[in-house]
C-alpha cells in the first residue's frame, strides 16, 4: 500500500493488526522532508471509540 507524504493526515483502516511485522518504508527524494512519523494501531483506537 502506498501513502503520499503530503503533510495531510491519512488514516487507513485495515481491521485487526496482523500477527507479523509491519514495515514503514520511506522511499524517494526526502531532501525536503524535515520529519515524518507513522502510528500503527488498531482502527478503533485511532477513531477514539473502543
PDB file of N, CA and C in Angstrom:
ATOM      1  N   UNK A   1       0.847  -1.162   0.000  1.00  0.00           N
ATOM      2  CA  UNK A   1       0.000   0.000   0.000  1.00  0.00           C
ATOM      3  C   UNK A   1       0.899   1.233   0.000  1.00  0.00           C
ATOM      4  N   UNK A   2       0.566   2.211  -0.792  1.00  0.00           N
ATOM      5  CA  UNK A   2       1.349   3.441  -0.872  1.00  0.00           C
ATOM      6  C   UNK A   2       0.531   4.594  -0.321  1.00  0.00           C
ATOM      7  N   UNK A   3       1.151   5.415   0.526  1.00  0.00           N
ATOM      8  CA  UNK A   3       0.508   6.592   1.099  1.00  0.00           C
ATOM      9  C   UNK A   3       1.394   7.779   0.790  1.00  0.00           C
ATOM     10  N   UNK A   4       0.820   8.821   0.214  1.00  0.00           N
ATOM     11  CA  UNK A   4       1.588  10.013  -0.122  1.00  0.00           C
ATOM     12  C   UNK A   4       2.033  10.753   1.129  1.00  0.00           C
ATOM     13  N   UNK A   5       3.216  11.288   1.090  1.00  0.00           N
ATOM     14  CA  UNK A   5       3.740  12.127   2.171  1.00  0.00           C
ATOM     15  C   UNK A   5       3.516  13.571   1.753  1.00  0.00           C
ATOM     16  N   UNK A   6       2.326  14.098   2.076  1.00  0.00           N
ATOM     17  CA  UNK A   6       1.956  15.435   1.607  1.00  0.00           C
ATOM     18  C   UNK A   6       1.503  16.360   2.733  1.00  0.00           C
ATOM     19  N   UNK A   7       1.938  16.080   3.954  1.00  0.00           N
ATOM     20  CA  UNK A   7       1.620  16.895   5.134  1.00  0.00           C
ATOM     21  C   UNK A   7       0.150  16.831   5.528  1.00  0.00           C
ATOM     22  N   UNK A   8      -0.613  15.913   4.966  1.00  0.00           N
ATOM     23  CA  UNK A   8      -2.011  15.717   5.339  1.00  0.00           C
ATOM     24  C   UNK A   8      -2.137  14.448   6.175  1.00  0.00           C
ATOM     25  N   UNK A   9      -3.028  14.473   7.167  1.00  0.00           N
ATOM     26  CA  UNK A   9      -3.293  13.294   7.978  1.00  0.00           C
ATOM     27  C   UNK A   9      -3.995  12.253   7.127  1.00  0.00           C
ATOM     28  N   UNK A  10      -3.503  11.032   7.159  1.00  0.00           N
ATOM     29  CA  UNK A  10      -4.115   9.933   6.433  1.00  0.00           C
ATOM     30  C   UNK A  10      -4.375   8.793   7.406  1.00  0.00           C
ATOM     31  N   UNK A  11      -5.635   8.353   7.495  1.00  0.00           N
ATOM     32  CA  UNK A  11      -5.989   7.216   8.335  1.00  0.00           C
ATOM     33  C   UNK A  11      -6.555   6.147   7.424  1.00  0.00           C
ATOM     34  N   UNK A  12      -5.953   4.983   7.448  1.00  0.00           N
ATOM     35  CA  UNK A  12      -6.410   3.871   6.628  1.00  0.00           C
ATOM     36  C   UNK A  12      -6.721   2.714   7.551  1.00  0.00           C
ATOM     37  N   UNK A  13      -7.968   2.329   7.597  1.00  0.00           N
ATOM     38  CA  UNK A  13      -8.377   1.216   8.439  1.00  0.00           C
ATOM     39  C   UNK A  13      -8.079  -0.117   7.765  1.00  0.00           C
ATOM     40  N   UNK A  14      -7.339  -0.947   8.448  1.00  0.00           N
ATOM     41  CA  UNK A  14      -7.013  -2.269   7.915  1.00  0.00           C
ATOM     42  C   UNK A  14      -7.645  -3.377   8.745  1.00  0.00           C
ATOM     43  N   UNK A  15      -8.497  -3.002   9.701  1.00  0.00           N
ATOM     44  CA  UNK A  15      -9.085  -4.013  10.570  1.00  0.00           C
ATOM     45  C   UNK A  15      -8.114  -4.380  11.677  1.00  0.00           C
ATOM     46  N   UNK A  16      -8.054  -5.649  12.019  1.00  0.00           N
ATOM     47  CA  UNK A  16      -7.155  -6.121  13.062  1.00  0.00           C
ATOM     48  C   UNK A  16      -5.705  -6.015  12.600  1.00  0.00           C
ATOM     49  N   UNK A  17      -4.824  -5.761  13.554  1.00  0.00           N
ATOM     50  CA  UNK A  17      -3.403  -5.727  13.223  1.00  0.00           C
ATOM     51  C   UNK A  17      -2.937  -7.140  12.910  1.00  0.00           C
ATOM     52  N   UNK A  18      -2.078  -7.286  11.919  1.00  0.00           N
ATOM     53  CA  UNK A  18      -1.580  -8.623  11.585  1.00  0.00           C
ATOM     54  C   UNK A  18      -0.621  -9.127  12.653  1.00  0.00           C
ATOM     55  N   UNK A  19      -0.517 -10.427  12.769  1.00  0.00           N
ATOM     56  CA  UNK A  19       0.408 -11.038  13.730  1.00  0.00           C
ATOM     57  C   UNK A  19       1.758 -11.249  13.066  1.00  0.00           C
ATOM     58  N   UNK A  20       2.230 -10.237  12.385  1.00  0.00           N
ATOM     59  CA  UNK A  20       3.514 -10.287  11.700  1.00  0.00           C
ATOM     60  C   UNK A  20       4.088  -8.876  11.684  1.00  0.00           C
ATOM     61  N   UNK A  21       5.353  -8.734  11.377  1.00  0.00           N
ATOM     62  CA  UNK A  21       5.961  -7.394  11.366  1.00  0.00           C
ATOM     63  C   UNK A  21       5.297  -6.473  10.342  1.00  0.00           C
ATOM     64  N   UNK A  22       5.264  -5.197  10.681  1.00  0.00           N
ATOM     65  CA  UNK A  22       4.775  -4.159   9.787  1.00  0.00           C
ATOM     66  C   UNK A  22       5.971  -3.292   9.426  1.00  0.00           C
ATOM     67  N   UNK A  23       6.158  -3.023   8.154  1.00  0.00           N
ATOM     68  CA  UNK A  23       7.312  -2.260   7.698  1.00  0.00           C
ATOM     69  C   UNK A  23       6.849  -0.896   7.188  1.00  0.00           C
ATOM     70  N   UNK A  24       7.467   0.150   7.689  1.00  0.00           N
ATOM     71  CA  UNK A  24       7.249   1.504   7.183  1.00  0.00           C
ATOM     72  C   UNK A  24       8.494   1.844   6.378  1.00  0.00           C
ATOM     73  N   UNK A  25       8.323   2.022   5.090  1.00  0.00           N
ATOM     74  CA  UNK A  25       9.444   2.224   4.179  1.00  0.00           C
ATOM     75  C   UNK A  25       9.334   3.608   3.557  1.00  0.00           C
ATOM     76  N   UNK A  26      10.311   4.453   3.801  1.00  0.00           N
ATOM     77  CA  UNK A  26      10.321   5.804   3.235  1.00  0.00           C
ATOM     78  C   UNK A  26      11.198   5.789   1.994  1.00  0.00           C
ATOM     79  N   UNK A  27      10.580   5.952   0.835  1.00  0.00           N
ATOM     80  CA  UNK A  27      11.307   5.919  -0.433  1.00  0.00           C
ATOM     81  C   UNK A  27      11.250   7.268  -1.121  1.00  0.00           C
ATOM     82  N   UNK A  28      12.045   7.402  -2.132  1.00  0.00           N
ATOM     83  CA  UNK A  28      12.006   8.613  -2.950  1.00  0.00           C
ATOM     84  C   UNK A  28      12.888   9.712  -2.399  1.00  0.00           C
ATOM     85  N   UNK A  29      12.780  10.867  -3.025  1.00  0.00           N
ATOM     86  CA  UNK A  29      13.583  12.030  -2.649  1.00  0.00           C
ATOM     87  C   UNK A  29      13.061  12.598  -1.334  1.00  0.00           C
ATOM     88  N   UNK A  30      13.874  12.546  -0.311  1.00  0.00           N
ATOM     89  CA  UNK A  30      13.487  13.038   1.008  1.00  0.00           C
ATOM     90  C   UNK A  30      14.235  14.316   1.369  1.00  0.00           C
ATOM     91  N   UNK A  31      14.831  14.993   0.387  1.00  0.00           N
ATOM     92  CA  UNK A  31      15.641  16.173   0.665  1.00  0.00           C
ATOM     93  C   UNK A  31      14.824  17.333   1.249  1.00  0.00           C
ATOM     94  N   UNK A  32      13.543  17.415   0.965  1.00  0.00           N
ATOM     95  CA  UNK A  32      12.683  18.478   1.505  1.00  0.00           C
ATOM     96  C   UNK A  32      11.886  18.039   2.733  1.00  0.00           C
ATOM     97  N   UNK A  33      12.116  16.835   3.210  1.00  0.00           N
ATOM     98  CA  UNK A  33      11.357  16.297   4.342  1.00  0.00           C
ATOM     99  C   UNK A  33      12.117  16.585   5.627  1.00  0.00           C
ATOM    100  N   UNK A  34      11.491  17.342   6.533  1.00  0.00           N
ATOM    101  CA  UNK A  34      12.120  17.657   7.811  1.00  0.00           C
ATOM    102  C   UNK A  34      11.855  16.590   8.856  1.00  0.00           C
ATOM    103  N   UNK A  35      10.674  15.974   8.811  1.00  0.00           N
ATOM    104  CA  UNK A  35      10.342  14.911   9.760  1.00  0.00           C
ATOM    105  C   UNK A  35       9.174  14.105   9.206  1.00  0.00           C
ATOM    106  N   UNK A  36       9.023  12.916   9.740  1.00  0.00           N
ATOM    107  CA  UNK A  36       7.914  12.039   9.355  1.00  0.00           C
ATOM    108  C   UNK A  36       7.602  11.122  10.526  1.00  0.00           C
ATOM    109  N   UNK A  37       6.373  10.667  10.599  1.00  0.00           N
ATOM    110  CA  UNK A  37       6.023   9.698  11.627  1.00  0.00           C
ATOM    111  C   UNK A  37       4.859   8.853  11.143  1.00  0.00           C
ATOM    112  N   UNK A  38       4.715   7.695  11.753  1.00  0.00           N
ATOM    113  CA  UNK A  38       3.592   6.808  11.460  1.00  0.00           C
ATOM    114  C   UNK A  38       3.092   6.242  12.780  1.00  0.00           C
ATOM    115  N   UNK A  39       1.790   6.130  12.903  1.00  0.00           N
ATOM    116  CA  UNK A  39       1.181   5.491  14.067  1.00  0.00           C
ATOM    117  C   UNK A  39       0.516   4.226  13.560  1.00  0.00           C
ATOM    118  N   UNK A  40       0.928   3.105  14.097  1.00  0.00           N
ATOM    119  CA  UNK A  40       0.333   1.825  13.734  1.00  0.00           C
ATOM    120  C   UNK A  40      -0.431   1.344  14.961  1.00  0.00           C
ATOM    121  N   UNK A  41      -1.754   1.301  14.838  1.00  0.00           N
ATOM    122  CA  UNK A  41      -2.606   0.963  15.962  1.00  0.00           C
ATOM    123  C   UNK A  41      -3.909   0.388  15.456  1.00  0.00           C
ATOM    124  N   UNK A  42      -4.662  -0.339  16.311  1.00  0.00           N
ATOM    125  CA  UNK A  42      -5.967  -0.825  15.897  1.00  0.00           C
ATOM    126  C   UNK A  42      -6.855   0.357  15.482  1.00  0.00           C
ATOM    127  N   UNK A  43      -7.651   0.179  14.460  1.00  0.00           N
ATOM    128  CA  UNK A  43      -8.504   1.244  13.931  1.00  0.00           C
ATOM    129  C   UNK A  43      -9.379   1.879  15.013  1.00  0.00           C
ATOM    130  N   UNK A  44      -9.926   1.083  15.899  1.00  0.00           N
ATOM    131  CA  UNK A  44     -10.811   1.620  16.950  1.00  0.00           C
ATOM    132  C   UNK A  44     -10.090   2.632  17.830  1.00  0.00           C
ATOM    133  N   UNK A  45      -8.810   2.436  18.087  1.00  0.00           N
ATOM    134  CA  UNK A  45      -8.093   3.374  18.950  1.00  0.00           C
ATOM    135  C   UNK A  45      -7.791   4.687  18.220  1.00  0.00           C
ATOM    136  N   UNK A  46      -7.724   4.660  16.917  1.00  0.00           N
ATOM    137  CA  UNK A  46      -7.476   5.881  16.152  1.00  0.00           C
ATOM    138  C   UNK A  46      -8.706   6.758  16.050  1.00  0.00           C
ATOM    139  N   UNK A  47      -9.885   6.158  16.101  1.00  0.00           N
ATOM    140  CA  UNK A  47     -11.125   6.924  15.975  1.00  0.00           C
ATOM    141  C   UNK A  47     -11.661   7.389  17.321  1.00  0.00           C
ATOM    142  N   UNK A  48     -11.028   6.957  18.411  1.00  0.00           N
ATOM    143  CA  UNK A  48     -11.469   7.370  19.729  1.00  0.00           C
ATOM    144  C   UNK A  48     -12.535   6.471  20.328  1.00  0.00           C
ATOM    145  N   UNK A  49     -13.006   5.467  19.583  1.00  0.00           N
ATOM    146  CA  UNK A  49     -14.006   4.539  20.116  1.00  0.00           C
ATOM    147  C   UNK A  49     -13.347   3.211  20.407  1.00  0.00           C
ATOM    148  N   UNK A  50     -13.906   2.505  21.374  1.00  0.00           N
ATOM    149  CA  UNK A  50     -13.339   1.191  21.711  1.00  0.00           C
ATOM    150  C   UNK A  50     -14.400   0.148  21.716  1.00  0.00           C
TER     151      UNK A  50
END
